[in-house]
Amino acid sequence: MPGRISMTKKQREALLALPETEAEILHHHTLSPQELDAVNQCRTPETRLA
């Protein structure tokens, strides 16, 4: 397996670009209802921090 994957400058910029709008931030940093269901299925008293 190669140690590095070559990318074009455009690909690298797209990968490292920060979200510019509030909608993009919410999209990337909010769990969907399906994701929340998956998390809640795995939660038990033993796995809770508090």
PDB file of N, CA and C in Angstrom:
ATOM      1  N   MET A   1       0.847  -1.172   0.000  1.00  0.00           N
ATOM      2  CA  MET A   1       0.000   0.000   0.000  1.00  0.00           C
ATOM      3  C   MET A   1       0.896   1.241   0.000  1.00  0.00           C
ATOM      4  N   PRO A   2       0.588   2.224  -0.855  1.00  0.00           N
ATOM      5  CA  PRO A   2       1.432   3.410  -0.898  1.00  0.00           C
ATOM      6  C   PRO A   2       1.314   4.220   0.392  1.00  0.00           C
ATOM      7  N   GLY A   3       2.424   4.850   0.769  1.00  0.00           N
ATOM      8  CA  GLY A   3       2.435   5.673   1.973  1.00  0.00           C
ATOM      9  C   GLY A   3       1.648   6.955   1.808  1.00  0.00           C
ATOM     10  N   ARG A   4       1.572   7.442   0.593  1.00  0.00           N
ATOM     11  CA  ARG A   4       0.837   8.682   0.330  1.00  0.00           C
ATOM     12  C   ARG A   4      -0.029   8.515  -0.910  1.00  0.00           C
ATOM     13  N   ILE A   5      -1.110   9.230  -0.922  1.00  0.00           N
ATOM     14  CA  ILE A   5      -1.985   9.233  -2.087  1.00  0.00           C
ATOM     15  C   ILE A   5      -1.818  10.587  -2.759  1.00  0.00           C
ATOM     16  N   SER A   6      -1.482  10.587  -4.054  1.00  0.00           N
ATOM     17  CA  SER A   6      -1.310  11.874  -4.705  1.00  0.00           C
ATOM     18  C   SER A   6      -2.652  12.516  -5.003  1.00  0.00           C
ATOM     19  N   MET A   7      -2.699  13.804  -4.739  1.00  0.00           N
ATOM     20  CA  MET A   7      -3.901  14.588  -5.002  1.00  0.00           C
ATOM     21  C   MET A   7      -3.505  15.835  -5.771  1.00  0.00           C
ATOM     22  N   THR A   8      -4.451  16.305  -6.531  1.00  0.00           N
ATOM     23  CA  THR A   8      -4.214  17.573  -7.210  1.00  0.00           C
ATOM     24  C   THR A   8      -4.375  18.697  -6.192  1.00  0.00           C
ATOM     25  N   LYS A   9      -3.922  19.867  -6.547  1.00  0.00           N
ATOM     26  CA  LYS A   9      -4.068  21.017  -5.648  1.00  0.00           C
ATOM     27  C   LYS A   9      -5.544  21.279  -5.362  1.00  0.00           C
ATOM     28  N   LYS A  10      -6.396  21.141  -6.370  1.00  0.00           N
ATOM     29  CA  LYS A  10      -7.829  21.368  -6.198  1.00  0.00           C
ATOM     30  C   LYS A  10      -8.435  20.357  -5.228  1.00  0.00           C
ATOM     31  N   GLN A  11      -8.039  19.084  -5.329  1.00  0.00           N
ATOM     32  CA  GLN A  11      -8.536  18.051  -4.420  1.00  0.00           C
ATOM     33  C   GLN A  11      -8.094  18.319  -2.988  1.00  0.00           C
ATOM     34  N   ARG A  12      -6.835  18.717  -2.813  1.00  0.00           N
ATOM     35  CA  ARG A  12      -6.308  19.008  -1.491  1.00  0.00           C
ATOM     36  C   ARG A  12      -7.035  20.194  -0.856  1.00  0.00           C
ATOM     37  N   GLU A  13      -7.284  21.239  -1.642  1.00  0.00           N
ATOM     38  CA  GLU A  13      -7.996  22.416  -1.134  1.00  0.00           C
ATOM     39  C   GLU A  13      -9.423  22.056  -0.732  1.00  0.00           C
ATOM     40  N   ALA A  14     -10.092  21.215  -1.515  1.00  0.00           N
ATOM     41  CA  ALA A  14     -11.462  20.806  -1.182  1.00  0.00           C
ATOM     42  C   ALA A  14     -11.492  19.982   0.103  1.00  0.00           C
ATOM     43  N   LEU A  15     -10.499  19.127   0.299  1.00  0.00           N
ATOM     44  CA  LEU A  15     -10.435  18.292   1.484  1.00  0.00           C
ATOM     45  C   LEU A  15     -10.196  19.120   2.741  1.00  0.00           C
ATOM     46  N   LEU A  16      -9.361  20.120   2.645  1.00  0.00           N
ATOM     47  CA  LEU A  16      -8.967  20.901   3.809  1.00  0.00           C
ATOM     48  C   LEU A  16      -9.793  22.167   4.020  1.00  0.00           C
ATOM     49  N   ALA A  17     -10.730  22.441   3.128  1.00  0.00           N
ATOM     50  CA  ALA A  17     -11.523  23.660   3.230  1.00  0.00           C
ATOM     51  C   ALA A  17     -12.419  23.623   4.474  1.00  0.00           C
ATOM     52  N   LEU A  18     -12.472  24.746   5.161  1.00  0.00           N
ATOM     53  CA  LEU A  18     -13.351  24.863   6.318  1.00  0.00           C
ATOM     54  C   LEU A  18     -14.753  25.258   5.859  1.00  0.00           C
ATOM     55  N   PRO A  19     -15.782  24.846   6.604  1.00  0.00           N
ATOM     56  CA  PRO A  19     -17.142  25.251   6.244  1.00  0.00           C
ATOM     57  C   PRO A  19     -17.272  26.772   6.292  1.00  0.00           C
ATOM     58  N   GLU A  20     -18.006  27.314   5.354  1.00  0.00           N
ATOM     59  CA  GLU A  20     -18.133  28.768   5.266  1.00  0.00           C
ATOM     60  C   GLU A  20     -19.469  29.282   5.757  1.00  0.00           C
ATOM     61  N   THR A  21     -20.481  28.452   5.748  1.00  0.00           N
ATOM     62  CA  THR A  21     -21.802  28.917   6.163  1.00  0.00           C
ATOM     63  C   THR A  21     -22.258  28.147   7.399  1.00  0.00           C
ATOM     64  N   GLU A  22     -23.226  28.701   8.083  1.00  0.00           N
ATOM     65  CA  GLU A  22     -23.771  28.031   9.264  1.00  0.00           C
ATOM     66  C   GLU A  22     -24.408  26.694   8.878  1.00  0.00           C
ATOM     67  N   ALA A  23     -25.044  26.633   7.723  1.00  0.00           N
ATOM     68  CA  ALA A  23     -25.671  25.383   7.273  1.00  0.00           C
ATOM     69  C   ALA A  23     -24.629  24.291   7.068  1.00  0.00           C
ATOM     70  N   GLU A  24     -23.473  24.642   6.500  1.00  0.00           N
ATOM     71  CA  GLU A  24     -22.408  23.651   6.305  1.00  0.00           C
ATOM     72  C   GLU A  24     -21.852  23.168   7.641  1.00  0.00           C
ATOM     73  N   ILE A  25     -21.706  24.083   8.587  1.00  0.00           N
ATOM     74  CA  ILE A  25     -21.215  23.707   9.912  1.00  0.00           C
ATOM     75  C   ILE A  25     -22.193  22.746  10.576  1.00  0.00           C
ATOM     76  N   LEU A  26     -23.477  23.062  10.538  1.00  0.00           N
ATOM     77  CA  LEU A  26     -24.489  22.192  11.145  1.00  0.00           C
ATOM     78  C   LEU A  26     -24.536  20.834  10.462  1.00  0.00           C
ATOM     79  N   HIS A  27     -24.391  20.817   9.156  1.00  0.00           N
ATOM     80  CA  HIS A  27     -24.424  19.562   8.405  1.00  0.00           C
ATOM     81  C   HIS A  27     -23.291  18.624   8.833  1.00  0.00           C
ATOM     82  N   HIS A  28     -22.113  19.171   9.046  1.00  0.00           N
ATOM     83  CA  HIS A  28     -20.943  18.353   9.354  1.00  0.00           C
ATOM     84  C   HIS A  28     -20.779  18.038  10.834  1.00  0.00           C
ATOM     85  N   HIS A  29     -21.444  18.795  11.712  1.00  0.00           N
ATOM     86  CA  HIS A  29     -21.212  18.626  13.144  1.00  0.00           C
ATOM     87  C   HIS A  29     -22.485  18.301  13.931  1.00  0.00           C
ATOM     88  N   THR A  30     -23.507  17.819  13.261  1.00  0.00           N
ATOM     89  CA  THR A  30     -24.751  17.435  13.915  1.00  0.00           C
ATOM     90  C   THR A  30     -25.084  15.998  13.539  1.00  0.00           C
ATOM     91  N   LEU A  31     -25.482  15.213  14.518  1.00  0.00           N
ATOM     92  CA  LEU A  31     -25.850  13.822  14.241  1.00  0.00           C
ATOM     93  C   LEU A  31     -27.275  13.758  13.702  1.00  0.00           C
ATOM     94  N   SER A  32     -27.481  12.883  12.737  1.00  0.00           N
ATOM     95  CA  SER A  32     -28.812  12.681  12.171  1.00  0.00           C
ATOM     96  C   SER A  32     -29.626  11.821  13.129  1.00  0.00           C
ATOM     97  N   PRO A  33     -30.945  11.775  12.958  1.00  0.00           N
ATOM     98  CA  PRO A  33     -31.767  10.920  13.824  1.00  0.00           C
ATOM     99  C   PRO A  33     -31.327   9.450  13.768  1.00  0.00           C
ATOM    100  N   GLN A  34     -30.922   8.976  12.600  1.00  0.00           N
ATOM    101  CA  GLN A  34     -30.463   7.591  12.478  1.00  0.00           C
ATOM    102  C   GLN A  34     -29.165   7.383  13.260  1.00  0.00           C
ATOM    103  N   GLU A  35     -28.266   8.353  13.205  1.00  0.00           N
ATOM    104  CA  GLU A  35     -27.017   8.254  13.954  1.00  0.00           C
ATOM    105  C   GLU A  35     -27.274   8.295  15.463  1.00  0.00           C
ATOM    106  N   LEU A  36     -28.190   9.142  15.894  1.00  0.00           N
ATOM    107  CA  LEU A  36     -28.541   9.200  17.315  1.00  0.00           C
ATOM    108  C   LEU A  36     -29.156   7.886  17.782  1.00  0.00           C
ATOM    109  N   ASP A  37     -29.991   7.261  16.951  1.00  0.00           N
ATOM    110  CA  ASP A  37     -30.567   5.956  17.297  1.00  0.00           C
ATOM    111  C   ASP A  37     -29.470   4.908  17.476  1.00  0.00           C
ATOM    112  N   ALA A  38     -28.488   4.917  16.582  1.00  0.00           N
ATOM    113  CA  ALA A  38     -27.383   3.955  16.673  1.00  0.00           C
ATOM    114  C   ALA A  38     -26.587   4.174  17.954  1.00  0.00           C
ATOM    115  N   VAL A  39     -26.340   5.417  18.310  1.00  0.00           N
ATOM    116  CA  VAL A  39     -25.627   5.725  19.556  1.00  0.00           C
ATOM    117  C   VAL A  39     -26.431   5.254  20.751  1.00  0.00           C
ATOM    118  N   ASN A  40     -27.715   5.545  20.759  1.00  0.00           N
ATOM    119  CA  ASN A  40     -28.558   5.181  21.906  1.00  0.00           C
ATOM    120  C   ASN A  40     -28.703   3.669  22.070  1.00  0.00           C
ATOM    121  N   GLN A  41     -28.612   2.915  20.993  1.00  0.00           N
ATOM    122  CA  GLN A  41     -28.679   1.453  21.095  1.00  0.00           C
ATOM    123  C   GLN A  41     -27.457   0.891  21.808  1.00  0.00           C
ATOM    124  N   CYS A  42     -26.332   1.586  21.694  1.00  0.00           N
ATOM    125  CA  CYS A  42     -25.092   1.106  22.301  1.00  0.00           C
ATOM    126  C   CYS A  42     -24.874   1.615  23.707  1.00  0.00           C
ATOM    127  N   ARG A  43     -25.682   2.563  24.149  1.00  0.00           N
ATOM    128  CA  ARG A  43     -25.503   3.134  25.482  1.00  0.00           C
ATOM    129  C   ARG A  43     -26.047   2.197  26.544  1.00  0.00           C
ATOM    130  N   THR A  44     -25.235   1.949  27.504  1.00  0.00           N
ATOM    131  CA  THR A  44     -25.655   1.161  28.662  1.00  0.00           C
ATOM    132  C   THR A  44     -25.119   1.882  29.906  1.00  0.00           C
ATOM    133  N   PRO A  45     -25.603   1.547  31.080  1.00  0.00           N
ATOM    134  CA  PRO A  45     -25.072   2.193  32.278  1.00  0.00           C
ATOM    135  C   PRO A  45     -23.551   2.012  32.407  1.00  0.00           C
ATOM    136  N   GLU A  46     -23.035   0.890  31.917  1.00  0.00           N
ATOM    137  CA  GLU A  46     -21.598   0.637  32.004  1.00  0.00           C
ATOM    138  C   GLU A  46     -20.768   1.525  31.085  1.00  0.00           C
ATOM    139  N   THR A  47     -21.376   1.999  29.974  1.00  0.00           N
ATOM    140  CA  THR A  47     -20.620   2.791  29.017  1.00  0.00           C
ATOM    141  C   THR A  47     -20.839   4.294  29.187  1.00  0.00           C
ATOM    142  N   ARG A  48     -21.645   4.691  30.132  1.00  0.00           N
ATOM    143  CA  ARG A  48     -21.877   6.127  30.378  1.00  0.00           C
ATOM    144  C   ARG A  48     -20.810   6.692  31.280  1.00  0.00           C
ATOM    145  N   LEU A  49     -20.387   7.910  31.001  1.00  0.00           N
ATOM    146  CA  LEU A  49     -19.372   8.546  31.827  1.00  0.00           C
ATOM    147  C   LEU A  49     -19.967   9.141  33.098  1.00  0.00           C
ATOM    148  N   ALA A  50     -21.181   9.627  32.987  1.00  0.00           N
ATOM    149  CA  ALA A  50     -21.782  10.236  34.174  1.00  0.00           C
ATOM    150  C   ALA A  50     -23.268   9.935  34.221  1.00  0.00           C
TER     151      ALA A  50
END
